[in-house]
Amino acid sequence: MEFLARVLALVIGYAFGIFQTGYIYGKMRGVDIRQHGSGNTGATNTLRTFGWKGGVITFAGDCLKAVLAMWVATLLLTDWVYADALVIQIYAGLGAVLGHNFPFYLNFKGGKGIACTAGVAFVVCPAAVPVCLTVFILCLALSQYVSLGSILMALLFIIQVFVFNGYGILELYGTDAMEFNILAFILGAMAIIRHKDNIIRLAKGTENKIGKKPEITTDNQDSKEV
């Protein structure tokens, strides 16, 4: 039952994660987000394509689906296992990120999982959020690179989980703490790996900065309809 509960938590997370907020937001406006910008369905590409409103809505939706997945998994599965509820929650969170990044009905091409990972962090390690958020905002303000801020957030999430677990702040011990650390590392590492192309562009100095005019605006859509 212990193993099955973990598998089911992943499945529950994946089922929530495949809800592609950016893709749906675009389709409601007659646009396939995958045909614009970076081609992924995440918040940053939605922001670049539709502007801040689309980006904020997509980030919130992708963050929320991870939170809901963990809540449902906790409700259904924690009575099955001896592990701490945080372990089941992070399995569900990992499933949500996998669903977001690799949705089966979009040929396994989704987003990069930053908003989902933020949702996971908010639930399983809220103490890590202030530092991650502060660094992201500072990085964005100083460099205007969303990708760099996202990479730093993912790295800081891993480091903080290891530190907090080491000092017992998360109140996880033994195998629970080890399992949680491994899953947190996978989450953070996956977010960084998904930005491999951005890392290459950052090194070359060719990465796009935020703040450019969105590709598609209400005026553009109105002119097309006319």
Protein backbone atom coordinates (compact mmCIF):
# COMPACT_ATOMS: atom_id res chain seq x y z
CA MET A 1 0.00 0.00 0.00
CA GLU A 2 2.90 2.35 0.71
CA PHE A 3 4.23 2.05 -2.85
CA LEU A 4 0.75 2.15 -4.38
CA ALA A 5 -0.11 5.34 -2.48
CA ARG A 6 2.95 7.04 -3.88
CA VAL A 7 2.12 5.94 -7.43
CA LEU A 8 -1.46 7.13 -7.02
CA ALA A 9 -0.20 10.49 -5.70
CA LEU A 10 1.88 10.87 -8.86
CA VAL A 11 -1.12 9.92 -11.01
CA ILE A 12 -3.39 12.38 -9.21
CA GLY A 13 -0.79 15.09 -9.65
CA TYR A 14 -0.37 14.31 -13.34
CA ALA A 15 -4.15 14.44 -13.87
CA PHE A 16 -4.22 17.96 -12.46
CA GLY A 17 -0.98 18.99 -14.14
CA ILE A 18 -2.19 18.35 -17.70
CA PHE A 19 -4.64 21.24 -17.33
CA GLN A 20 -2.64 23.69 -19.45
CA THR A 21 -3.72 27.16 -18.36
CA GLY A 22 -1.70 28.99 -21.02
CA TYR A 23 -2.88 26.71 -23.81
CA ILE A 24 -6.52 27.10 -22.76
CA TYR A 25 -6.12 30.87 -22.33
CA GLY A 26 -4.82 31.08 -25.86
CA LYS A 27 -7.48 28.82 -27.34
CA MET A 28 -10.19 30.98 -25.77
CA ARG A 29 -8.75 33.79 -27.89
CA GLY A 30 -8.41 31.69 -31.02
CA VAL A 31 -4.64 31.35 -30.66
CA ASP A 32 -2.46 28.27 -30.26
CA ILE A 33 0.18 29.45 -27.78
CA ARG A 34 2.52 26.74 -29.09
CA GLN A 35 2.82 28.62 -32.38
CA HIS A 36 4.25 31.72 -30.71
CA GLY A 37 7.38 32.69 -28.84
CA SER A 38 9.21 29.76 -27.30
CA GLY A 39 6.38 27.41 -28.22
CA ASN A 40 5.75 26.20 -24.67
CA THR A 41 2.52 26.62 -22.72
CA GLY A 42 3.87 28.21 -19.55
CA ALA A 43 3.34 31.59 -17.94
CA THR A 44 6.39 33.32 -19.43
CA ASN A 45 5.48 32.46 -23.01
CA THR A 46 1.86 33.46 -22.36
CA LEU A 47 3.11 36.76 -20.96
CA ARG A 48 5.29 37.36 -24.02
CA THR A 49 2.41 36.47 -26.33
CA PHE A 50 -0.57 38.14 -24.63
CA GLY A 51 0.88 40.53 -22.07
CA TRP A 52 0.85 40.72 -18.27
CA LYS A 53 -2.80 39.74 -17.83
CA GLY A 54 -2.31 36.47 -19.66
CA GLY A 55 0.95 35.80 -17.84
CA VAL A 56 -0.51 36.40 -14.38
CA ILE A 57 -3.61 34.29 -15.07
CA THR A 58 -1.48 31.45 -16.41
CA PHE A 59 0.95 31.58 -13.49
CA ALA A 60 -1.91 31.57 -10.98
CA GLY A 61 -3.70 28.70 -12.73
CA ASP A 62 -0.57 26.58 -13.01
CA CYS A 63 0.35 27.25 -9.39
CA LEU A 64 -3.18 26.47 -8.19
CA LYS A 65 -3.42 23.14 -10.01
CA ALA A 66 -0.37 21.87 -8.11
CA VAL A 67 -1.87 23.01 -4.81
CA LEU A 68 -5.19 21.31 -5.60
CA ALA A 69 -3.42 18.10 -6.63
CA MET A 70 -1.59 17.96 -3.30
CA TRP A 71 -4.76 18.70 -1.37
CA VAL A 72 -6.67 15.89 -3.10
CA ALA A 73 -3.79 13.43 -2.65
CA THR A 74 -3.59 14.28 1.04
CA LEU A 75 -7.33 13.84 1.45
CA LEU A 76 -7.40 10.46 -0.29
CA LEU A 77 -4.09 8.81 0.49
CA THR A 78 -2.52 9.83 3.81
CA ASP A 79 -4.46 7.19 5.76
CA TRP A 80 -2.80 4.53 3.59
CA VAL A 81 0.78 5.24 4.52
CA TYR A 82 3.05 5.50 7.52
CA ALA A 83 5.03 8.30 5.90
CA ASP A 84 4.45 11.94 6.78
CA ALA A 85 1.75 13.73 4.78
CA LEU A 86 4.45 15.99 3.29
CA VAL A 87 5.89 12.99 1.47
CA ILE A 88 2.57 12.20 -0.23
CA GLN A 89 2.10 15.89 -1.01
CA ILE A 90 5.45 16.25 -2.73
CA TYR A 91 4.77 13.11 -4.80
CA ALA A 92 1.52 14.69 -5.96
CA GLY A 93 3.35 17.96 -6.60
CA LEU A 94 5.96 16.16 -8.68
CA GLY A 95 3.13 14.50 -10.64
CA ALA A 96 1.56 17.92 -11.30
CA VAL A 97 4.84 19.29 -12.64
CA LEU A 98 5.29 16.21 -14.85
CA GLY A 99 1.74 16.67 -16.16
CA HIS A 100 2.40 20.33 -16.85
CA ASN A 101 5.71 19.68 -18.58
CA PHE A 102 4.66 16.57 -20.50
CA PRO A 103 0.88 16.60 -21.24
CA PHE A 104 0.04 13.50 -23.27
CA TYR A 105 -2.59 15.23 -25.41
CA LEU A 106 -0.12 17.90 -26.56
CA ASN A 107 2.51 15.39 -27.66
CA PHE A 108 4.16 15.70 -24.25
CA LYS A 109 5.16 19.32 -24.94
CA GLY A 110 4.02 21.67 -22.17
CA GLY A 111 5.71 24.29 -20.03
CA LYS A 112 8.83 24.40 -17.89
CA GLY A 113 7.10 23.85 -14.57
CA ILE A 114 8.17 26.96 -12.65
CA ALA A 115 4.66 28.04 -11.59
CA CYS A 116 3.78 24.47 -10.64
CA THR A 117 6.98 24.10 -8.66
CA ALA A 118 6.19 27.38 -6.89
CA GLY A 119 2.83 25.92 -5.90
CA VAL A 120 4.53 22.81 -4.57
CA ALA A 121 7.02 24.87 -2.56
CA PHE A 122 4.22 26.99 -1.11
CA VAL A 123 2.57 23.86 0.33
CA VAL A 124 5.44 21.59 1.33
CA CYS A 125 8.09 24.16 2.30
CA PRO A 126 6.56 27.62 2.74
CA ALA A 127 9.64 28.75 4.66
CA ALA A 128 11.59 28.58 1.37
CA VAL A 129 9.20 30.89 -0.49
CA PRO A 130 10.30 34.32 0.86
CA VAL A 131 13.94 33.88 -0.19
CA CYS A 132 13.01 32.36 -3.56
CA LEU A 133 10.50 35.11 -4.29
CA THR A 134 12.83 37.91 -3.19
CA VAL A 135 15.69 36.64 -5.35
CA PHE A 136 13.37 36.21 -8.33
CA ILE A 137 12.03 39.77 -8.04
CA LEU A 138 15.52 41.24 -7.61
CA CYS A 139 16.86 39.23 -10.53
CA LEU A 140 13.97 40.28 -12.75
CA ALA A 141 14.32 43.93 -11.75
CA LEU A 142 18.08 44.02 -12.30
CA SER A 143 18.50 41.75 -15.33
CA GLN A 144 15.00 41.46 -16.88
CA TYR A 145 15.69 37.76 -17.45
CA VAL A 146 12.76 35.62 -16.29
CA SER A 147 14.72 32.47 -17.06
CA LEU A 148 17.63 33.45 -14.80
CA GLY A 149 15.26 34.27 -11.95
CA SER A 150 13.48 30.94 -12.43
CA ILE A 151 16.74 28.98 -12.43
CA LEU A 152 17.91 30.71 -9.25
CA MET A 153 14.56 30.02 -7.57
CA ALA A 154 14.79 26.32 -8.39
CA LEU A 155 18.36 26.12 -7.08
CA LEU A 156 17.48 27.99 -3.88
CA PHE A 157 14.48 25.73 -3.32
CA ILE A 158 16.74 22.66 -3.34
CA ILE A 159 19.31 24.25 -1.04
CA GLN A 160 16.74 25.46 1.46
CA VAL A 161 14.94 22.11 1.63
CA PHE A 162 18.24 20.38 2.39
CA VAL A 163 19.11 22.95 5.06
CA PHE A 164 15.66 22.98 6.67
CA ASN A 165 15.54 19.19 6.74
CA GLY A 166 19.04 19.05 8.17
CA TYR A 167 17.96 21.27 11.06
CA GLY A 168 14.63 19.48 11.54
CA ILE A 169 12.57 22.54 10.61
CA LEU A 170 10.27 20.49 8.36
CA GLU A 171 9.86 17.91 11.14
CA LEU A 172 10.77 15.08 8.78
CA TYR A 173 13.13 12.40 10.02
CA GLY A 174 14.85 9.27 8.82
CA THR A 175 13.63 7.84 5.53
CA ASP A 176 10.90 10.49 5.26
CA ALA A 177 13.48 13.27 5.26
CA MET A 178 15.69 11.44 2.78
CA GLU A 179 12.79 10.70 0.43
CA PHE A 180 11.59 14.30 0.64
CA ASN A 181 15.08 15.60 -0.14
CA ILE A 182 15.35 13.35 -3.19
CA LEU A 183 11.98 14.47 -4.56
CA ALA A 184 12.76 18.14 -3.88
CA PHE A 185 16.05 17.71 -5.73
CA ILE A 186 14.24 16.11 -8.69
CA LEU A 187 11.74 18.99 -8.78
CA GLY A 188 14.41 21.67 -8.69
CA ALA A 189 16.74 19.88 -11.08
CA MET A 190 13.94 19.29 -13.57
CA ALA A 191 13.10 23.00 -13.54
CA ILE A 192 16.74 23.87 -14.23
CA ILE A 193 17.13 21.23 -16.96
CA ARG A 194 13.99 22.48 -18.69
CA HIS A 195 15.82 25.81 -19.02
CA LYS A 196 18.87 24.32 -20.74
CA ASP A 197 18.27 26.32 -23.93
CA ASN A 198 17.85 29.49 -21.86
CA ILE A 199 21.13 28.76 -20.07
CA ILE A 200 22.91 28.49 -23.42
CA ARG A 201 21.39 31.79 -24.59
CA LEU A 202 22.28 33.47 -21.29
CA ALA A 203 25.88 32.35 -21.72
CA LYS A 204 25.92 33.73 -25.26
CA GLY A 205 24.15 36.95 -24.27
CA THR A 206 21.26 36.27 -26.66
CA GLU A 207 18.51 35.51 -24.12
CA ASN A 208 15.32 37.55 -24.52
CA LYS A 209 14.51 40.06 -21.82
CA ILE A 210 11.05 40.66 -20.43
CA GLY A 211 9.18 43.89 -21.09
CA LYS A 212 8.84 43.76 -24.85
CA LYS A 213 5.47 44.46 -26.46
CA PRO A 214 3.32 41.28 -26.51
CA GLU A 215 3.02 39.50 -29.86
CA ILE A 216 -0.76 39.45 -29.70
CA THR A 217 -2.83 42.27 -28.24
CA THR A 218 -6.52 43.01 -28.17
CA ASP A 219 -5.98 45.51 -30.99
CA ASN A 220 -4.27 42.86 -33.11
CA GLN A 221 -7.11 40.44 -32.54
CA ASP A 222 -9.72 43.07 -33.35
CA SER A 223 -7.96 43.96 -36.59
CA LYS A 224 -7.83 40.30 -37.59
CA GLU A 225 -11.52 39.89 -36.92
CA VAL A 226 -12.30 42.92 -39.11
